[in-house]
Amino acid sequence: MELHSYDDQICHGKLAQISVNAETAISTNTSWLSPWLTPLAYLLGGHLLPLFFGQIRITGQENIPTTGPVILAPTHRARWDSLLLPYASGRCVTGRDLRFMVTIDECQGLQGWFVRRLGGFPVDPQRPSITTLRHAMELLQRGEMLVIYPEGNIFRDGELHPLKSGIARLALTAESSHPDLGVKILPVGINYSQPYPDWGTDVSIHIGSVIKVADYIKGSVKKDAKRLTVDLANALEQLSHQESTINTHAFAEMQNS
């Protein structure tokens, strides 16, 4: 599940319109959390993921806010990310469900049927609609947890790639639209012991400290978004370095065993 870019829509001022209308508008987006499918998915994931993967190392769960609007901003290394994130930070850990912004292709057919009922909603990477951005604003204004991959795509080289500024602009606009809303961005580093995870692959998930969006509102959305994006990139870079260190130690231990 990946988000490529919605910067163009935001740069043309469309989020300003969204911030005014989001509270009263009725979203045409049909994503929701099925009362029977969602708990079943968590139950199956909690049992099957540890069986499929080797070791799953998770750090920083104490950093996850249990209330208020949160944007989870993970590195994106495989499609497995969107299954492991709820395992590491979802209802069994925090009592909260995650909502995902996913590509429109992933909301087609049978897969789309499941995605929409498990909190996912579509975005066209090339032409994001106002409806999609409005829906994301509504979720934050309702105090939910929203997952957006700031790199915009899957990268399997283990390196942090340039972040899209759209996530910062969305967060800043949501915070500005409601004083004291308290939007937070939570950087998350995800890494696998091999580029294409399969049976027995080790996983590390490192959850960083929250970034308070209100601290970045200084008056210029463009400049504020740039500062926020830089700080988010720095946090993800540190988490990525932590991943590399753990993998190096794990490889050395394997060689010496």
Protein backbone atom coordinates (compact mmCIF):
# COMPACT_ATOMS: atom_id res chain seq x y z
CA MET A 1 0.00 0.00 0.00
CA GLU A 2 1.79 3.09 -1.09
CA LEU A 3 1.23 6.78 -1.70
CA HIS A 4 3.28 8.39 -4.43
CA SER A 5 2.53 12.12 -4.22
CA TYR A 6 -0.30 14.52 -3.62
CA ASP A 7 1.92 17.59 -3.40
CA ASP A 8 0.55 19.15 -6.59
CA GLN A 9 -3.02 19.19 -5.28
CA ILE A 10 -1.89 20.76 -2.02
CA CYS A 11 0.46 23.29 -3.64
CA HIS A 12 -2.42 24.62 -5.70
CA GLY A 13 -4.29 25.57 -2.54
CA LYS A 14 -6.88 22.80 -2.54
CA LEU A 15 -6.25 21.89 1.10
CA ALA A 16 -7.23 25.41 2.09
CA GLN A 17 -10.65 24.67 0.62
CA ILE A 18 -10.70 21.28 2.32
CA SER A 19 -9.94 22.75 5.75
CA VAL A 20 -13.02 24.96 5.46
CA ASN A 21 -15.37 22.26 4.17
CA ALA A 22 -14.12 19.05 5.75
CA GLU A 23 -16.18 19.26 8.94
CA THR A 24 -19.50 19.79 7.20
CA ALA A 25 -18.93 17.86 3.97
CA ILE A 26 -20.21 14.32 3.60
CA SER A 27 -17.40 12.26 2.20
CA THR A 28 -18.24 10.04 -0.75
CA ASN A 29 -15.42 7.73 0.25
CA THR A 30 -16.74 4.32 1.25
CA SER A 31 -13.91 3.08 3.47
CA TRP A 32 -14.92 1.78 6.84
CA LEU A 33 -13.97 -0.69 9.55
CA SER A 34 -16.05 -3.84 9.37
CA PRO A 35 -17.23 -4.86 12.88
CA TRP A 36 -16.58 -8.53 12.09
CA LEU A 37 -13.78 -8.52 9.51
CA THR A 38 -11.49 -6.12 11.38
CA PRO A 39 -11.21 -8.12 14.64
CA LEU A 40 -10.88 -11.31 12.59
CA ALA A 41 -7.98 -9.79 10.62
CA TYR A 42 -6.22 -8.77 13.84
CA LEU A 43 -6.76 -12.23 15.31
CA LEU A 44 -5.36 -13.99 12.24
CA GLY A 45 -2.49 -11.52 11.86
CA GLY A 46 -1.49 -11.90 15.48
CA HIS A 47 -1.15 -15.66 15.04
CA LEU A 48 0.04 -16.02 11.44
CA LEU A 49 2.64 -13.24 11.12
CA PRO A 50 4.92 -14.65 13.86
CA LEU A 51 4.66 -18.06 12.19
CA PHE A 52 5.53 -16.74 8.74
CA PHE A 53 8.42 -14.49 9.71
CA GLY A 54 11.54 -15.37 11.69
CA GLN A 55 12.13 -12.84 14.44
CA ILE A 56 9.93 -9.75 14.64
CA ARG A 57 11.73 -7.09 16.68
CA ILE A 58 9.62 -4.12 17.77
CA THR A 59 10.91 -1.15 19.75
CA GLY A 60 9.34 2.14 20.81
CA GLN A 61 5.74 1.03 21.29
CA GLU A 62 5.63 3.26 24.36
CA ASN A 63 5.85 6.23 21.94
CA ILE A 64 2.49 5.49 20.30
CA PRO A 65 -0.22 7.96 21.41
CA THR A 66 -3.32 6.21 22.69
CA THR A 67 -5.58 9.17 21.90
CA GLY A 68 -5.74 12.02 19.42
CA PRO A 69 -4.96 12.33 15.70
CA VAL A 70 -1.79 10.56 14.60
CA ILE A 71 -0.12 10.13 11.22
CA LEU A 72 2.10 7.08 11.13
CA ALA A 73 4.94 7.83 8.72
CA PRO A 74 6.81 4.57 8.03
CA THR A 75 9.59 3.74 5.66
CA HIS A 76 8.25 1.50 2.89
CA ARG A 77 10.19 -1.67 2.14
CA ALA A 78 7.54 -4.25 1.13
CA ARG A 79 3.81 -4.79 0.85
CA TRP A 80 4.09 -6.67 4.13
CA ASP A 81 4.51 -3.27 5.83
CA SER A 82 0.78 -2.68 5.85
CA LEU A 83 0.17 -5.97 7.68
CA LEU A 84 3.00 -5.52 10.16
CA LEU A 85 2.05 -1.97 11.16
CA PRO A 86 -1.30 -3.01 12.72
CA TYR A 87 0.52 -5.91 14.38
CA ALA A 88 3.01 -3.48 15.95
CA SER A 89 0.72 -0.53 16.72
CA GLY A 90 -2.93 -1.51 16.21
CA ARG A 91 -5.79 -2.43 18.50
CA CYS A 92 -3.99 -5.25 20.31
CA VAL A 93 -1.27 -2.80 21.36
CA THR A 94 -3.04 0.56 21.67
CA GLY A 95 -6.72 -0.27 21.38
CA ARG A 96 -6.79 1.75 18.15
CA ASP A 97 -7.38 0.82 14.53
CA LEU A 98 -5.28 2.13 11.64
CA ARG A 99 -6.57 3.79 8.49
CA PHE A 100 -4.50 3.55 5.30
CA MET A 101 -4.27 5.76 2.23
CA VAL A 102 -3.69 3.23 -0.58
CA THR A 103 -3.22 3.40 -4.33
CA ILE A 104 -6.37 3.19 -6.40
CA ASP A 105 -5.19 -0.08 -7.98
CA GLU A 106 -5.34 -1.75 -4.58
CA CYS A 107 -9.02 -0.87 -4.19
CA GLN A 108 -10.12 -2.91 -7.21
CA GLY A 109 -11.85 -6.28 -7.24
CA LEU A 110 -11.74 -8.69 -4.30
CA GLN A 111 -8.66 -7.06 -2.80
CA GLY A 112 -10.43 -3.70 -2.86
CA TRP A 113 -13.43 -5.22 -1.09
CA PHE A 114 -11.19 -6.23 1.81
CA VAL A 115 -9.11 -3.03 1.77
CA ARG A 116 -12.15 -0.77 2.09
CA ARG A 117 -13.58 -2.82 4.96
CA LEU A 118 -10.28 -2.77 6.82
CA GLY A 119 -9.96 1.01 6.88
CA GLY A 120 -8.23 1.64 3.55
CA PHE A 121 -9.26 4.31 1.07
CA PRO A 122 -7.95 4.97 -2.44
CA VAL A 123 -5.81 7.73 -3.86
CA ASP A 124 -4.86 8.17 -7.48
CA PRO A 125 -1.08 8.78 -7.25
CA GLN A 126 -1.05 10.90 -10.39
CA ARG A 127 -4.28 12.85 -9.82
CA PRO A 128 -5.30 12.88 -6.15
CA SER A 129 -8.88 14.07 -5.77
CA ILE A 130 -10.24 16.60 -3.31
CA THR A 131 -12.50 13.82 -1.99
CA THR A 132 -9.50 11.72 -0.97
CA LEU A 133 -7.72 14.60 0.72
CA ARG A 134 -10.93 15.67 2.44
CA HIS A 135 -11.39 12.14 3.76
CA ALA A 136 -7.86 12.17 5.20
CA MET A 137 -8.62 15.52 6.87
CA GLU A 138 -11.85 14.14 8.33
CA LEU A 139 -10.03 11.16 9.82
CA LEU A 140 -7.50 13.42 11.55
CA GLN A 141 -10.22 15.74 12.79
CA ARG A 142 -11.96 12.70 14.30
CA GLY A 143 -8.77 11.81 16.15
CA GLU A 144 -7.91 8.66 14.22
CA MET A 145 -4.60 7.05 13.26
CA LEU A 146 -3.75 7.44 9.59
CA VAL A 147 -0.90 5.68 7.78
CA ILE A 148 0.87 7.52 4.95
CA TYR A 149 4.17 6.35 3.49
CA PRO A 150 6.21 9.57 3.10
CA GLU A 151 8.72 8.13 0.62
CA GLY A 152 5.80 7.52 -1.73
CA ASN A 153 6.77 4.07 -2.96
CA ILE A 154 8.44 0.80 -2.00
CA PHE A 155 12.26 0.96 -1.93
CA ARG A 156 14.11 -2.28 -1.30
CA ASP A 157 17.67 -0.93 -1.09
CA GLY A 158 17.38 -0.13 2.62
CA GLU A 159 18.17 3.55 2.02
CA LEU A 160 15.90 6.43 2.98
CA HIS A 161 14.65 8.18 -0.15
CA PRO A 162 13.51 11.83 -0.43
CA LEU A 163 10.21 12.41 1.34
CA LYS A 164 7.13 13.90 -0.28
CA SER A 165 6.10 17.15 1.36
CA GLY A 166 2.39 16.35 1.08
CA ILE A 167 2.26 14.55 4.42
CA ALA A 168 3.60 17.65 6.20
CA ARG A 169 1.20 19.95 4.37
CA LEU A 170 -1.76 17.72 5.21
CA ALA A 171 -0.78 17.60 8.89
CA LEU A 172 -0.20 21.37 9.08
CA THR A 173 -3.50 22.16 7.41
CA ALA A 174 -5.41 19.82 9.72
CA GLU A 175 -3.76 21.37 12.79
CA SER A 176 -4.39 24.91 11.54
CA SER A 177 -8.06 24.19 10.84
CA HIS A 178 -8.73 23.25 14.46
CA PRO A 179 -6.71 25.01 17.18
CA ASP A 180 -5.38 22.53 19.76
CA LEU A 181 -6.31 19.54 17.60
CA GLY A 182 -2.95 18.06 18.55
CA VAL A 183 -1.92 16.29 15.34
CA LYS A 184 1.21 14.19 15.82
CA ILE A 185 3.44 12.47 13.28
CA LEU A 186 5.03 9.21 14.35
CA PRO A 187 8.11 8.12 12.36
CA VAL A 188 8.46 4.35 11.97
CA GLY A 189 11.41 2.47 10.52
CA ILE A 190 10.68 -0.94 8.99
CA ASN A 191 13.38 -3.24 7.73
CA TYR A 192 13.69 -6.85 6.56
CA SER A 193 16.69 -9.16 6.53
CA GLN A 194 16.27 -9.54 2.76
CA PRO A 195 14.86 -7.25 0.04
CA TYR A 196 11.99 -9.59 -0.91
CA PRO A 197 10.63 -11.01 2.34
CA ASP A 198 9.56 -14.63 2.39
CA TRP A 199 9.22 -17.45 4.89
CA GLY A 200 11.57 -17.01 7.85
CA THR A 201 12.63 -13.44 7.05
CA ASP A 202 13.56 -11.36 10.11
CA VAL A 203 11.79 -8.04 10.61
CA SER A 204 12.67 -4.98 12.68
CA ILE A 205 10.15 -2.24 13.43
CA HIS A 206 11.44 0.83 15.27
CA ILE A 207 8.92 3.44 16.40
CA GLY A 208 10.40 6.87 17.02
CA SER A 209 9.33 9.81 19.17
CA VAL A 210 6.28 11.81 18.16
CA ILE A 211 6.64 15.04 16.21
CA LYS A 212 4.12 17.65 17.36
CA VAL A 213 2.78 19.41 14.30
CA ALA A 214 1.68 22.50 16.23
CA ASP A 215 5.33 23.31 16.94
CA TYR A 216 5.87 23.94 13.21
CA ILE A 217 3.07 26.40 12.53
CA LYS A 218 4.80 29.73 12.00
CA GLY A 219 2.69 31.32 9.28
CA SER A 220 4.08 30.12 5.95
CA VAL A 221 2.73 26.71 4.97
CA LYS A 222 5.50 26.19 2.43
CA LYS A 223 8.31 26.99 4.85
CA ASP A 224 6.62 25.19 7.74
CA ALA A 225 6.14 22.07 5.61
CA LYS A 226 9.78 22.16 4.54
CA ARG A 227 11.01 22.29 8.16
CA LEU A 228 8.64 19.53 9.21
CA THR A 229 9.66 17.35 6.28
CA VAL A 230 13.35 17.83 7.07
CA ASP A 231 12.85 16.86 10.72
CA LEU A 232 10.78 13.83 9.75
CA ALA A 233 13.49 12.74 7.31
CA ASN A 234 16.13 13.11 10.03
CA ALA A 235 14.07 10.98 12.42
CA LEU A 236 13.55 8.28 9.79
CA GLU A 237 17.26 8.37 8.93
CA GLN A 238 18.13 7.69 12.56
CA LEU A 239 15.64 4.82 12.69
CA SER A 240 17.06 3.43 9.45
CA HIS A 241 20.57 3.54 10.94
CA GLN A 242 19.25 1.69 13.97
CA GLU A 243 17.85 -0.97 11.63
CA SER A 244 21.19 -1.32 9.83
CA THR A 245 23.05 -1.72 13.11
CA ILE A 246 20.73 -4.47 14.28
CA ASN A 247 20.96 -6.29 10.97
CA THR A 248 24.77 -6.09 11.03
CA HIS A 249 24.85 -7.58 14.53
CA ALA A 250 22.38 -10.30 13.52
CA PHE A 251 24.47 -11.21 10.47
CA ALA A 252 27.66 -11.34 12.54
CA GLU A 253 25.98 -13.58 15.11
CA MET A 254 24.77 -15.88 12.35
CA GLN A 255 28.27 -16.08 10.87
CA ASN A 256 29.78 -16.93 14.25
CA SER A 257 27.19 -19.55 15.18
